[in-house]
C-alpha atoms as a PDB file:
ATOM      1  CA  MET A   1     -22.305 -43.480  24.144  1.00  0.00           C
ATOM      2  CA  LYS A   2     -24.149 -40.539  21.651  1.00  0.00           C
ATOM      3  CA  LYS A   3     -20.598 -39.114  21.770  1.00  0.00           C
ATOM      4  CA  PHE A   4     -18.639 -42.179  20.395  1.00  0.00           C
ATOM      5  CA  PHE A   5     -21.122 -42.716  17.721  1.00  0.00           C
ATOM      6  CA  ALA A   6     -20.510 -38.639  17.247  1.00  0.00           C
ATOM      7  CA  LEU A   7     -16.734 -39.479  17.025  1.00  0.00           C
ATOM      8  CA  ILE A   8     -17.087 -42.489  14.951  1.00  0.00           C
ATOM      9  CA  VAL A   9     -19.508 -40.786  12.255  1.00  0.00           C
ATOM     10  CA  GLY A  10     -17.207 -38.103  12.043  1.00  0.00           C
ATOM     11  CA  VAL A  11     -13.506 -40.249  11.989  1.00  0.00           C
ATOM     12  CA  LEU A  12     -15.617 -41.902   9.083  1.00  0.00           C
ATOM     13  CA  LEU A  13     -16.534 -38.940   6.871  1.00  0.00           C
ATOM     14  CA  VAL A  14     -12.877 -37.806   7.660  1.00  0.00           C
ATOM     15  CA  GLY A  15     -11.685 -41.125   5.784  1.00  0.00           C
ATOM     16  CA  LEU A  16     -14.502 -40.839   2.803  1.00  0.00           C
ATOM     17  CA  GLY A  17     -13.062 -36.952   2.753  1.00  0.00           C
ATOM     18  CA  VAL A  18      -9.335 -38.323   2.321  1.00  0.00           C
ATOM     19  CA  TYR A  19     -10.049 -41.404  -0.044  1.00  0.00           C
ATOM     20  CA  ALA A  20     -12.239 -39.445  -2.269  1.00  0.00           C
ATOM     21  CA  PHE A  21      -9.555 -36.796  -2.155  1.00  0.00           C
ATOM     22  CA  ASN A  22      -6.819 -39.209  -2.976  1.00  0.00           C
ATOM     23  CA  ASN A  23      -9.294 -40.549  -5.845  1.00  0.00           C
ATOM     24  CA  MET A  24      -9.633 -36.963  -7.879  1.00  0.00           C
ATOM     25  CA  SER A  25      -8.315 -36.309 -11.033  1.00  0.00           C
ATOM     26  CA  PRO A  26      -4.826 -33.666 -11.106  1.00  0.00           C
ATOM     27  CA  GLU A  27      -7.025 -31.167 -12.296  1.00  0.00           C
ATOM     28  CA  ASP A  28      -9.957 -31.492 -10.010  1.00  0.00           C
ATOM     29  CA  LYS A  29      -7.797 -31.355  -7.175  1.00  0.00           C
ATOM     30  CA  ALA A  30      -5.996 -28.317  -8.190  1.00  0.00           C
ATOM     31  CA  LYS A  31      -9.535 -26.906  -8.677  1.00  0.00           C
ATOM     32  CA  LEU A  32     -10.445 -27.720  -5.258  1.00  0.00           C
ATOM     33  CA  LYS A  33      -7.166 -26.452  -3.851  1.00  0.00           C
ATOM     34  CA  GLU A  34      -7.866 -22.914  -5.585  1.00  0.00           C
ATOM     35  CA  ALA A  35     -11.518 -22.616  -4.419  1.00  0.00           C
ATOM     36  CA  VAL A  36     -10.159 -22.853  -0.610  1.00  0.00           C
ATOM     37  CA  SER A  37      -7.950 -20.706  -1.130  1.00  0.00           C
ATOM     38  CA  LYS A  38     -10.072 -18.402  -2.595  1.00  0.00           C
ATOM     39  CA  LEU A  39     -12.177 -18.765   0.502  1.00  0.00           C
ATOM     40  CA  MET A  40      -9.448 -18.230   2.889  1.00  0.00           C
ATOM     41  CA  THR A  41      -8.644 -15.230   1.437  1.00  0.00           C
ATOM     42  CA  LYS A  42     -11.523 -13.816   1.054  1.00  0.00           C
ATOM     43  CA  GLU A  43     -12.396 -14.883   4.705  1.00  0.00           C
ATOM     44  CA  ALA A  44      -9.097 -12.818   5.783  1.00  0.00           C
ATOM     45  CA  PHE A  45     -10.222  -9.510   4.297  1.00  0.00           C
ATOM     46  CA  ASN A  46     -12.908  -9.662   6.630  1.00  0.00           C
ATOM     47  CA  LYS A  47     -11.234  -8.067   9.505  1.00  0.00           C
ATOM     48  CA  ALA A  48      -9.637  -4.633  10.239  1.00  0.00           C
ATOM     49  CA  PRO A  49      -6.271  -3.976  10.460  1.00  0.00           C
ATOM     50  CA  PRO A  50      -4.952  -5.393  14.024  1.00  0.00           C
ATOM     51  CA  VAL A  51      -4.346  -2.552  16.534  1.00  0.00           C
ATOM     52  CA  SER A  52      -0.780  -1.813  15.945  1.00  0.00           C
ATOM     53  CA  PRO A  53       2.028  -2.128  19.361  1.00  0.00           C
ATOM     54  CA  THR A  54       3.346   1.318  20.548  1.00  0.00           C
ATOM     55  CA  ASP A  55       5.945   0.527  18.841  1.00  0.00           C
ATOM     56  CA  ALA A  56       4.818   0.553  15.207  1.00  0.00           C
ATOM     57  CA  ILE A  57       2.761   3.240  12.917  1.00  0.00           C
ATOM     58  CA  LYS A  58       0.365   1.981   9.800  1.00  0.00           C
ATOM     59  CA  ILE A  59       0.533   3.721   5.897  1.00  0.00           C
ATOM     60  CA  ALA A  60      -2.096   3.569   4.348  1.00  0.00           C
ATOM     61  CA  SER A  61      -3.034   4.351   0.454  1.00  0.00           C
ATOM     62  CA  PHE A  62      -6.601   5.121  -0.552  1.00  0.00           C
ATOM     63  CA  ASN A  63      -8.608   6.520  -3.682  1.00  0.00           C
ATOM     64  CA  ILE A  64     -11.616   8.107  -1.978  1.00  0.00           C
ATOM     65  CA  GLN A  65     -13.381   7.712  -5.424  1.00  0.00           C
ATOM     66  CA  VAL A  66     -14.390  11.472  -6.448  1.00  0.00           C
ATOM     67  CA  PHE A  67     -14.053  13.210  -2.950  1.00  0.00           C
ATOM     68  CA  GLY A  68     -15.736  16.088  -3.158  1.00  0.00           C
ATOM     69  CA  GLU A  69     -18.940  18.119  -2.189  1.00  0.00           C
ATOM     70  CA  LYS A  70     -21.244  15.582  -2.759  1.00  0.00           C
ATOM     71  CA  LYS A  71     -19.329  12.642  -0.909  1.00  0.00           C
ATOM     72  CA  ILE A  72     -18.470  15.219   2.195  1.00  0.00           C
ATOM     73  CA  ASN A  73     -21.847  16.467   2.729  1.00  0.00           C
ATOM     74  CA  ASP A  74     -22.986  12.991   3.128  1.00  0.00           C
ATOM     75  CA  ARG A  75     -23.438  11.832   6.892  1.00  0.00           C
ATOM     76  CA  ALA A  76     -23.438   8.315   6.309  1.00  0.00           C
ATOM     77  CA  ILE A  77     -20.410   7.984   3.808  1.00  0.00           C
ATOM     78  CA  VAL A  78     -18.299  10.523   6.061  1.00  0.00           C
ATOM     79  CA  ASP A  79     -19.136   8.185   8.938  1.00  0.00           C
ATOM     80  CA  VAL A  80     -17.652   5.136   7.154  1.00  0.00           C
ATOM     81  CA  LEU A  81     -14.722   6.924   6.163  1.00  0.00           C
ATOM     82  CA  VAL A  82     -13.855   8.072   9.549  1.00  0.00           C
ATOM     83  CA  LYS A  83     -14.421   4.619  10.998  1.00  0.00           C
ATOM     84  CA  VAL A  84     -12.039   3.449   8.395  1.00  0.00           C
ATOM     85  CA  CYS A  85      -9.263   6.181   8.395  1.00  0.00           C
ATOM     86  CA  ARG A  86      -9.170   6.534  12.177  1.00  0.00           C
ATOM     87  CA  HIS A  87      -7.002   2.975  11.631  1.00  0.00           C
ATOM     88  CA  PHE A  88      -4.120   4.768  10.409  1.00  0.00           C
ATOM     89  CA  ASP A  89      -1.495   7.175  11.401  1.00  0.00           C
ATOM     90  CA  VAL A  90      -0.688   8.016   7.585  1.00  0.00           C
ATOM     91  CA  ILE A  91      -3.486   8.038   4.738  1.00  0.00           C
ATOM     92  CA  ALA A  92      -2.231   9.142   1.248  1.00  0.00           C
ATOM     93  CA  VAL A  93      -5.538  10.109  -0.335  1.00  0.00           C
ATOM     94  CA  GLN A  94      -5.981   9.826  -4.265  1.00  0.00           C
ATOM     95  CA  GLU A  95      -8.962  11.544  -5.975  1.00  0.00           C
ATOM     96  CA  VAL A  96     -10.011  14.573  -4.150  1.00  0.00           C
ATOM     97  CA  ARG A  97     -12.158  16.241  -6.567  1.00  0.00           C
ATOM     98  CA  SER A  98     -13.425  19.539  -6.096  1.00  0.00           C
ATOM     99  CA  VAL A  99     -13.852  23.518  -7.207  1.00  0.00           C
ATOM    100  CA  GLN A 100     -13.605  24.238  -3.359  1.00  0.00           C
ATOM    101  CA  ASP A 101     -10.961  24.103  -1.114  1.00  0.00           C
ATOM    102  CA  ASN A 102     -13.399  22.531   1.512  1.00  0.00           C
ATOM    103  CA  VAL A 103     -13.116  19.039   1.520  1.00  0.00           C
ATOM    104  CA  LEU A 104     -10.295  18.329   3.450  1.00  0.00           C
ATOM    105  CA  PRO A 105     -10.577  20.731   6.366  1.00  0.00           C
ATOM    106  CA  LEU A 106     -14.123  19.363   7.019  1.00  0.00           C
ATOM    107  CA  PHE A 107     -13.093  15.874   6.806  1.00  0.00           C
ATOM    108  CA  VAL A 108     -10.047  16.015   9.425  1.00  0.00           C
ATOM    109  CA  GLU A 109     -12.482  17.953  11.785  1.00  0.00           C
ATOM    110  CA  ALA A 110     -15.325  14.827  11.413  1.00  0.00           C
ATOM    111  CA  LEU A 111     -12.140  12.573  12.198  1.00  0.00           C
ATOM    112  CA  ASN A 112     -10.908  14.777  15.373  1.00  0.00           C
ATOM    113  CA  ALA A 113     -14.611  14.693  16.500  1.00  0.00           C
ATOM    114  CA  ASP A 114     -13.572  11.800  18.649  1.00  0.00           C
ATOM    115  CA  GLY A 115     -10.911  14.089  20.582  1.00  0.00           C
ATOM    116  CA  SER A 116      -8.218  12.597  17.406  1.00  0.00           C
ATOM    117  CA  ARG A 117      -5.968  15.533  16.274  1.00  0.00           C
ATOM    118  CA  TYR A 118      -5.211  14.725  12.478  1.00  0.00           C
ATOM    119  CA  ASN A 119      -4.283  17.250  10.377  1.00  0.00           C
ATOM    120  CA  PHE A 120      -3.660  17.182   6.263  1.00  0.00           C
ATOM    121  CA  VAL A 121      -1.217  18.297   3.435  1.00  0.00           C
ATOM    122  CA  ILE A 122      -2.573  18.434  -0.062  1.00  0.00           C
ATOM    123  CA  GLY A 123      -1.437  19.278  -3.208  1.00  0.00           C
ATOM    124  CA  PRO A 124      -2.036  21.330  -6.568  1.00  0.00           C
ATOM    125  CA  ARG A 125      -5.297  19.942  -8.963  1.00  0.00           C
ATOM    126  CA  LEU A 126      -3.934  17.903 -11.549  1.00  0.00           C
ATOM    127  CA  GLY A 127      -4.550  16.618 -14.903  1.00  0.00           C
ATOM    128  CA  ARG A 128      -5.219  17.221 -18.764  1.00  0.00           C
ATOM    129  CA  SER A 129      -8.830  17.596 -18.733  1.00  0.00           C
ATOM    130  CA  ASN A 130     -11.261  19.742 -17.126  1.00  0.00           C
ATOM    131  CA  SER A 131     -11.844  17.339 -14.366  1.00  0.00           C
ATOM    132  CA  LYS A 132      -9.034  18.150 -11.931  1.00  0.00           C
ATOM    133  CA  GLU A 133      -7.581  15.927  -9.145  1.00  0.00           C
ATOM    134  CA  GLN A 134      -5.392  16.570  -5.741  1.00  0.00           C
ATOM    135  CA  TYR A 135      -3.612  14.197  -3.625  1.00  0.00           C
ATOM    136  CA  ALA A 136      -4.061  14.192   0.316  1.00  0.00           C
ATOM    137  CA  ILE A 137      -1.827  13.057   2.884  1.00  0.00           C
ATOM    138  CA  ILE A 138      -3.536  13.029   6.296  1.00  0.00           C
ATOM    139  CA  PHE A 139      -1.510  11.838   9.521  1.00  0.00           C
ATOM    140  CA  ASP A 140      -2.482  11.674  12.861  1.00  0.00           C
ATOM    141  CA  THR A 141      -0.221  14.745  14.450  1.00  0.00           C
ATOM    142  CA  ASP A 142       0.324  12.659  17.727  1.00  0.00           C
ATOM    143  CA  SER A 143       2.269  10.276  15.898  1.00  0.00           C
ATOM    144  CA  ILE A 144       3.431  11.428  12.898  1.00  0.00           C
ATOM    145  CA  GLU A 145       5.573  14.961  12.198  1.00  0.00           C
ATOM    146  CA  VAL A 146       5.831  16.609   8.206  1.00  0.00           C
ATOM    147  CA  ASP A 147       7.954  18.742   7.388  1.00  0.00           C
ATOM    148  CA  ARG A 148       6.184  21.123   5.134  1.00  0.00           C
ATOM    149  CA  ASN A 149       9.414  22.537   3.735  1.00  0.00           C
ATOM    150  CA  GLN A 150      10.049  19.556   1.837  1.00  0.00           C
ATOM    151  CA  LEU A 151       6.181  18.822   0.518  1.00  0.00           C
ATOM    152  CA  TYR A 152       6.583  19.257  -3.193  1.00  0.00           C
ATOM    153  CA  THR A 153       4.753  17.618  -6.533  1.00  0.00           C
ATOM    154  CA  LEU A 154       7.394  16.189  -9.179  1.00  0.00           C
ATOM    155  CA  ASP A 155       8.827  18.657 -11.808  1.00  0.00           C
ATOM    156  CA  ASP A 156       7.585  16.895 -15.119  1.00  0.00           C
ATOM    157  CA  PRO A 157       8.689  19.056 -17.573  1.00  0.00           C
ATOM    158  CA  ASP A 158       7.598  16.488 -20.832  1.00  0.00           C
ATOM    159  CA  ASP A 159       4.125  15.885 -19.156  1.00  0.00           C
ATOM    160  CA  LEU A 160       4.766  12.405 -19.021  1.00  0.00           C
ATOM    161  CA  LEU A 161       2.510  11.654 -15.851  1.00  0.00           C
ATOM    162  CA  HIS A 162      -0.809  12.614 -16.027  1.00  0.00           C
ATOM    163  CA  ARG A 163      -1.083  13.740 -12.663  1.00  0.00           C
ATOM    164  CA  GLN A 164       2.228  13.957 -11.358  1.00  0.00           C
ATOM    165  CA  PRO A 165       2.953  12.679  -7.597  1.00  0.00           C
ATOM    166  CA  LEU A 166       2.897  14.591  -3.948  1.00  0.00           C
ATOM    167  CA  VAL A 167       6.075  14.028  -2.409  1.00  0.00           C
ATOM    168  CA  GLY A 168       6.288  14.345   1.332  1.00  0.00           C
ATOM    169  CA  LEU A 169       8.773  14.074   3.898  1.00  0.00           C
ATOM    170  CA  PHE A 170       7.126  12.457   7.195  1.00  0.00           C
ATOM    171  CA  ARG A 171       9.045  11.502  10.873  1.00  0.00           C
ATOM    172  CA  VAL A 172       7.750   9.202  13.612  1.00  0.00           C
ATOM    173  CA  ARG A 173       7.370  11.773  16.880  1.00  0.00           C
ATOM    174  CA  GLY A 174       7.768  11.032  20.569  1.00  0.00           C
ATOM    175  CA  LEU A 175      11.808   9.737  19.801  1.00  0.00           C
ATOM    176  CA  PRO A 176      14.628  11.439  19.641  1.00  0.00           C
ATOM    177  CA  PRO A 177      15.150  12.729  15.632  1.00  0.00           C
ATOM    178  CA  GLU A 178      17.778  10.666  15.317  1.00  0.00           C
ATOM    179  CA  GLN A 179      16.116   7.601  16.694  1.00  0.00           C
ATOM    180  CA  ALA A 180      12.508   7.879  14.971  1.00  0.00           C
ATOM    181  CA  PHE A 181      11.868   6.106  11.323  1.00  0.00           C
ATOM    182  CA  THR A 182      12.115   8.732   8.728  1.00  0.00           C
ATOM    183  CA  PHE A 183      10.421   8.455   5.356  1.00  0.00           C
ATOM    184  CA  LYS A 184       9.597  10.050   1.987  1.00  0.00           C
ATOM    185  CA  LEU A 185       6.033   8.947   0.774  1.00  0.00           C
ATOM    186  CA  ILE A 186       5.368   9.587  -3.256  1.00  0.00           C
ATOM    187  CA  ASN A 187       1.546   9.392  -3.995  1.00  0.00           C
ATOM    188  CA  MET A 188       0.466   8.513  -7.412  1.00  0.00           C
ATOM    189  CA  HIS A 189      -2.486   7.840  -9.200  1.00  0.00           C
ATOM    190  CA  THR A 190      -1.857   6.305 -12.808  1.00  0.00           C
ATOM    191  CA  ASP A 191      -3.875   7.610 -15.639  1.00  0.00           C
ATOM    192  CA  PRO A 192      -6.403   4.621 -16.270  1.00  0.00           C
ATOM    193  CA  ASP A 193      -5.901   5.368 -20.108  1.00  0.00           C
ATOM    194  CA  GLU A 194      -1.906   5.379 -20.194  1.00  0.00           C
ATOM    195  CA  VAL A 195      -1.111   2.606 -17.524  1.00  0.00           C
ATOM    196  CA  ALA A 196       1.595   0.656 -18.891  1.00  0.00           C
ATOM    197  CA  LYS A 197       3.003   4.435 -20.236  1.00  0.00           C
ATOM    198  CA  GLU A 198       3.342   5.813 -16.828  1.00  0.00           C
ATOM    199  CA  LEU A 199       4.717   2.703 -15.153  1.00  0.00           C
ATOM    200  CA  ASP A 200       7.529   2.521 -17.140  1.00  0.00           C
ATOM    201  CA  VAL A 201       8.063   6.288 -16.447  1.00  0.00           C
ATOM    202  CA  LEU A 202       7.782   5.560 -12.829  1.00  0.00           C
ATOM    203  CA  ASP A 203      10.805   3.837 -12.527  1.00  0.00           C
ATOM    204  CA  ASP A 204      12.716   7.143 -13.156  1.00  0.00           C
ATOM    205  CA  THR A 205      10.543   9.055 -10.814  1.00  0.00           C
ATOM    206  CA  PHE A 206      11.345   6.650  -8.060  1.00  0.00           C
ATOM    207  CA  TYR A 207      15.286   6.966  -8.677  1.00  0.00           C
ATOM    208  CA  ALA A 208      14.343  10.606  -8.976  1.00  0.00           C
ATOM    209  CA  ILE A 209      12.837  11.199  -5.567  1.00  0.00           C
ATOM    210  CA  ARG A 210      15.331   8.688  -3.595  1.00  0.00           C
ATOM    211  CA  ASP A 211      18.536   9.845  -5.347  1.00  0.00           C
ATOM    212  CA  ASN A 212      18.231  13.447  -6.638  1.00  0.00           C
ATOM    213  CA  ASP A 213      15.948  15.728  -5.050  1.00  0.00           C
ATOM    214  CA  GLY A 214      18.126  17.195  -2.227  1.00  0.00           C
ATOM    215  CA  ILE A 215      16.213  15.421   0.129  1.00  0.00           C
ATOM    216  CA  VAL A 216      18.671  12.343   1.913  1.00  0.00           C
ATOM    217  CA  GLU A 217      16.626   9.954   2.721  1.00  0.00           C
ATOM    218  CA  ASP A 218      16.779   6.484   1.853  1.00  0.00           C
ATOM    219  CA  ASP A 219      13.228   5.433   2.968  1.00  0.00           C
ATOM    220  CA  VAL A 220      11.010   6.015   0.072  1.00  0.00           C
ATOM    221  CA  ILE A 221       7.662   4.570  -0.171  1.00  0.00           C
ATOM    222  CA  LEU A 222       5.496   4.920  -3.354  1.00  0.00           C
ATOM    223  CA  LEU A 223       2.054   4.169  -2.516  1.00  0.00           C
ATOM    224  CA  GLY A 224      -1.509   5.117  -4.590  1.00  0.00           C
ATOM    225  CA  ASP A 225      -3.830   3.381  -7.174  1.00  0.00           C
ATOM    226  CA  LEU A 226      -1.360   2.475  -9.635  1.00  0.00           C
ATOM    227  CA  ASN A 227      -4.571   0.461 -11.701  1.00  0.00           C
ATOM    228  CA  ALA A 228      -2.131  -2.570 -11.979  1.00  0.00           C
ATOM    229  CA  ASP A 229      -0.984  -5.615 -10.501  1.00  0.00           C
ATOM    230  CA  GLU A 230       1.882  -7.041  -9.498  1.00  0.00           C
ATOM    231  CA  SER A 231       2.725  -8.552 -12.482  1.00  0.00           C
ATOM    232  CA  HIS A 232       2.068  -5.925 -14.718  1.00  0.00           C
ATOM    233  CA  PHE A 233       4.539  -2.960 -13.214  1.00  0.00           C
ATOM    234  CA  GLY A 234       6.626  -2.725 -16.534  1.00  0.00           C
ATOM    235  CA  GLU A 235       9.752  -0.711 -15.834  1.00  0.00           C
ATOM    236  CA  LEU A 236       8.700   0.118 -12.128  1.00  0.00           C
ATOM    237  CA  GLY A 237       8.671  -3.437 -10.927  1.00  0.00           C
ATOM    238  CA  ARG A 238      12.307  -3.750 -12.405  1.00  0.00           C
ATOM    239  CA  VAL A 239      13.730  -1.694  -9.867  1.00  0.00           C
ATOM    240  CA  PRO A 240      16.307  -3.560  -7.773  1.00  0.00           C
ATOM    241  CA  ASN A 241      14.964  -4.608  -4.152  1.00  0.00           C
ATOM    242  CA  LEU A 242      11.359  -2.832  -5.101  1.00  0.00           C
ATOM    243  CA  GLY A 243       9.107  -5.042  -2.715  1.00  0.00           C
ATOM    244  CA  HIS A 244       5.613  -4.729  -2.745  1.00  0.00           C
ATOM    245  CA  VAL A 245       2.741  -5.167   0.081  1.00  0.00           C
ATOM    246  CA  ILE A 246      -0.235  -6.405  -1.575  1.00  0.00           C
ATOM    247  CA  SER A 247       0.293  -9.399  -3.970  1.00  0.00           C
ATOM    248  CA  GLY A 248      -2.778 -11.785  -5.256  1.00  0.00           C
ATOM    249  CA  GLN A 249      -5.522  -9.720  -3.701  1.00  0.00           C
ATOM    250  CA  ALA A 250      -8.126  -7.612  -5.075  1.00  0.00           C
ATOM    251  CA  THR A 251      -8.329  -3.881  -4.120  1.00  0.00           C
ATOM    252  CA  ASN A 252     -11.571  -2.838  -5.870  1.00  0.00           C
ATOM    253  CA  THR A 253     -15.275  -2.757  -3.560  1.00  0.00           C
ATOM    254  CA  LYS A 254     -16.405  -5.362  -6.572  1.00  0.00           C
ATOM    255  CA  ARG A 255     -13.197  -7.611  -5.477  1.00  0.00           C
ATOM    256  CA  THR A 256     -12.323  -8.216  -8.807  1.00  0.00           C
ATOM    257  CA  ARG A 257      -9.119  -6.497  -9.446  1.00  0.00           C
ATOM    258  CA  GLU A 258      -5.824  -5.751  -7.472  1.00  0.00           C
ATOM    259  CA  TYR A 259      -5.083  -1.640  -8.550  1.00  0.00           C
ATOM    260  CA  ASP A 260      -3.407  -0.261  -5.243  1.00  0.00           C
ATOM    261  CA  ASN A 261      -0.323  -1.168  -3.725  1.00  0.00           C
ATOM    262  CA  ILE A 262       2.382   0.330  -1.467  1.00  0.00           C
ATOM    263  CA  LEU A 263       6.308  -0.450  -2.547  1.00  0.00           C
ATOM    264  CA  PHE A 264       9.741   0.392  -1.141  1.00  0.00           C
ATOM    265  CA  ASP A 265      12.946  -0.889  -0.871  1.00  0.00           C
ATOM    266  CA  ILE A 266      12.905  -4.321   0.764  1.00  0.00           C
ATOM    267  CA  LYS A 267      17.140  -3.286   1.504  1.00  0.00           C
ATOM    268  CA  ASN A 268      16.899   0.022   2.932  1.00  0.00           C
ATOM    269  CA  THR A 269      13.217   0.240   4.123  1.00  0.00           C
ATOM    270  CA  VAL A 270      13.833  -2.624   7.053  1.00  0.00           C
ATOM    271  CA  GLU A 271      11.344  -0.723   9.082  1.00  0.00           C
ATOM    272  CA  PHE A 272       9.024  -2.326   7.547  1.00  0.00           C
ATOM    273  CA  THR A 273       7.158  -5.334  10.103  1.00  0.00           C
ATOM    274  CA  GLY A 274       5.423  -7.468   7.507  1.00  0.00           C
ATOM    275  CA  ARG A 275       2.040  -6.852   8.182  1.00  0.00           C
ATOM    276  CA  GLY A 276      -0.109  -5.356   5.956  1.00  0.00           C
ATOM    277  CA  GLY A 277      -2.946  -5.871   3.801  1.00  0.00           C
ATOM    278  CA  VAL A 278      -6.896  -5.157   2.397  1.00  0.00           C
ATOM    279  CA  PHE A 279      -9.144  -3.426   4.639  1.00  0.00           C
ATOM    280  CA  ASP A 280     -12.332  -4.747   3.296  1.00  0.00           C
ATOM    281  CA  PHE A 281     -14.749  -2.316   5.164  1.00  0.00           C
ATOM    282  CA  LEU A 282     -17.861  -3.827   2.723  1.00  0.00           C
ATOM    283  CA  ARG A 283     -17.218  -7.011   5.422  1.00  0.00           C
ATOM    284  CA  GLU A 284     -15.844  -4.903   8.210  1.00  0.00           C
ATOM    285  CA  PHE A 285     -18.874  -2.676   8.946  1.00  0.00           C
ATOM    286  CA  ASN A 286     -21.535  -4.891   7.281  1.00  0.00           C
ATOM    287  CA  LEU A 287     -22.267  -2.942   4.338  1.00  0.00           C
ATOM    288  CA  SER A 288     -24.235  -3.768   1.120  1.00  0.00           C
ATOM    289  CA  GLU A 289     -22.356  -3.774  -2.467  1.00  0.00           C
ATOM    290  CA  ASP A 290     -23.838  -0.371  -2.930  1.00  0.00           C
ATOM    291  CA  GLU A 291     -23.410   1.459   0.207  1.00  0.00           C
ATOM    292  CA  ALA A 292     -19.619   0.381   0.089  1.00  0.00           C
ATOM    293  CA  SER A 293     -19.716   1.646  -3.633  1.00  0.00           C
ATOM    294  CA  ALA A 294     -21.117   5.104  -2.482  1.00  0.00           C
ATOM    295  CA  VAL A 295     -18.170   5.253  -0.142  1.00  0.00           C
ATOM    296  CA  SER A 296     -15.517   4.272  -2.738  1.00  0.00           C
ATOM    297  CA  ASP A 297     -14.686   1.911  -5.650  1.00  0.00           C
ATOM    298  CA  HIS A 298     -11.812   0.888  -4.216  1.00  0.00           C
ATOM    299  CA  PHE A 299     -10.722   0.053  -0.563  1.00  0.00           C
ATOM    300  CA  PRO A 300      -7.505   0.791   1.314  1.00  0.00           C
ATOM    301  CA  VAL A 301      -4.911  -0.806   1.368  1.00  0.00           C
ATOM    302  CA  TRP A 302      -1.879  -0.287   4.335  1.00  0.00           C
ATOM    303  CA  ALA A 303       1.477  -1.616   5.618  1.00  0.00           C
ATOM    304  CA  GLU A 304       2.972  -1.446   9.513  1.00  0.00           C
ATOM    305  CA  PHE A 305       6.430  -0.124   9.580  1.00  0.00           C
ATOM    306  CA  SER A 306       8.476   0.357  13.127  1.00  0.00           C
ATOM    307  CA  VAL A 307       9.022   3.465  14.731  1.00  0.00           C
ATOM    308  CA  PHE A 308      12.362   3.233  14.991  1.00  0.00           C
ATOM    309  CA  GLU A 309      15.120   4.124  12.349  1.00  0.00           C
ATOM    310  CA  GLY A 310      16.466   0.715  11.305  1.00  0.00           C
ATOM    311  CA  GLY A 311      13.678  -1.263  12.646  1.00  0.00           C
ATOM    312  CA  ARG A 312      15.294  -2.043  16.068  1.00  0.00           C
ATOM    313  CA  PRO A 313      15.288   0.192  18.957  1.00  0.00           C
ATOM    314  CA  PRO A 314      18.728   1.186  20.395  1.00  0.00           C
ATOM    315  CA  GLU A 315      19.972   0.041  24.062  1.00  0.00           C
ATOM    316  CA  VAL A 316      21.001   2.846  25.838  1.00  0.00           C
ATOM    317  CA  ALA A 317      22.808   1.559  29.858  1.00  0.00           C
ATOM    318  CA  GLY A 318      21.832  -1.901  28.942  1.00  0.00           C
ATOM    319  CA  ARG A 319      17.844  -1.113  28.945  1.00  0.00           C
ATOM    320  CA  GLU A 320      16.175  -0.477  25.288  1.00  0.00           C
ATOM    321  CA  ALA A 321      14.826   2.655  24.735  1.00  0.00           C
ATOM    322  CA  GLY A 322      11.034   2.684  23.687  1.00  0.00           C
ATOM    323  CA  PRO A 323       8.592   5.604  21.781  1.00  0.00           C
ATOM    324  CA  ALA A 324       7.506   8.530  24.663  1.00  0.00           C
ATOM    325  CA  ALA A 325       3.600   7.966  25.418  1.00  0.00           C
ATOM    326  CA  ARG A 326       1.063   8.817  22.857  1.00  0.00           C
END
């Protein structure tokens, strides 16, 4: 009887809710829908990236704000950074800022403390002021290899970019080279004071790296801290078929702005599985806002890609080939 009564009450409440919604003004309905949408979006941030299947890799971009001596010597911060980065096969890092050369070696040592086998490449110190920054790309050597002979910083004789991007050529390990997903990464951090100007240069940058740097590779992924959302990409946003993974999601730890993204030609890079997002480590690790801000003022953004060139495994003798066990 109690269950029946509860059911009747529930039906009445639902009915009243429908009646109330139907009698709202259009403006109130729009506000309610927006509020529900925001709630769902925030709740979606609460989860870490799902574990990839064995036929996929995750590529991330992470501005680790002022990643230098102070941060690398803070055990609590390093512990969070390690837990974050172990979710990914490749992490493009912005804002390595130290006069010493030990920040990345120490961090990779911490990453590998559990038996992992991460390694890194790093670019030169860049910037027009005394405060120089470096780009770095960290990668899991169990799943990814880099061609160090093809690693370079973009030549910018006219000094159009405050920090010229670091470019690297990577390939999935464990498959025959002709079957393995191979890709260029363009690691980029725009100057906050010259965002519009630099975004209007990044279209030509993308074309130059894709078409004219002597490395024949059509899978080119531009990722980093662009200091702009997708509606303010300028000339970069007009590159034909250039898609972006992040849309309408805040990427800073205050959850107020969208700064970071991952972009690629959606016709060429068919290896993208459709999965990607923002990793809200504040919620995932139950941190306070101050604790999260101490780690960085940015959340990492990520995207998942098939390990197979072209996005599908070749068929061999009637069976699909798979990657070697990791």
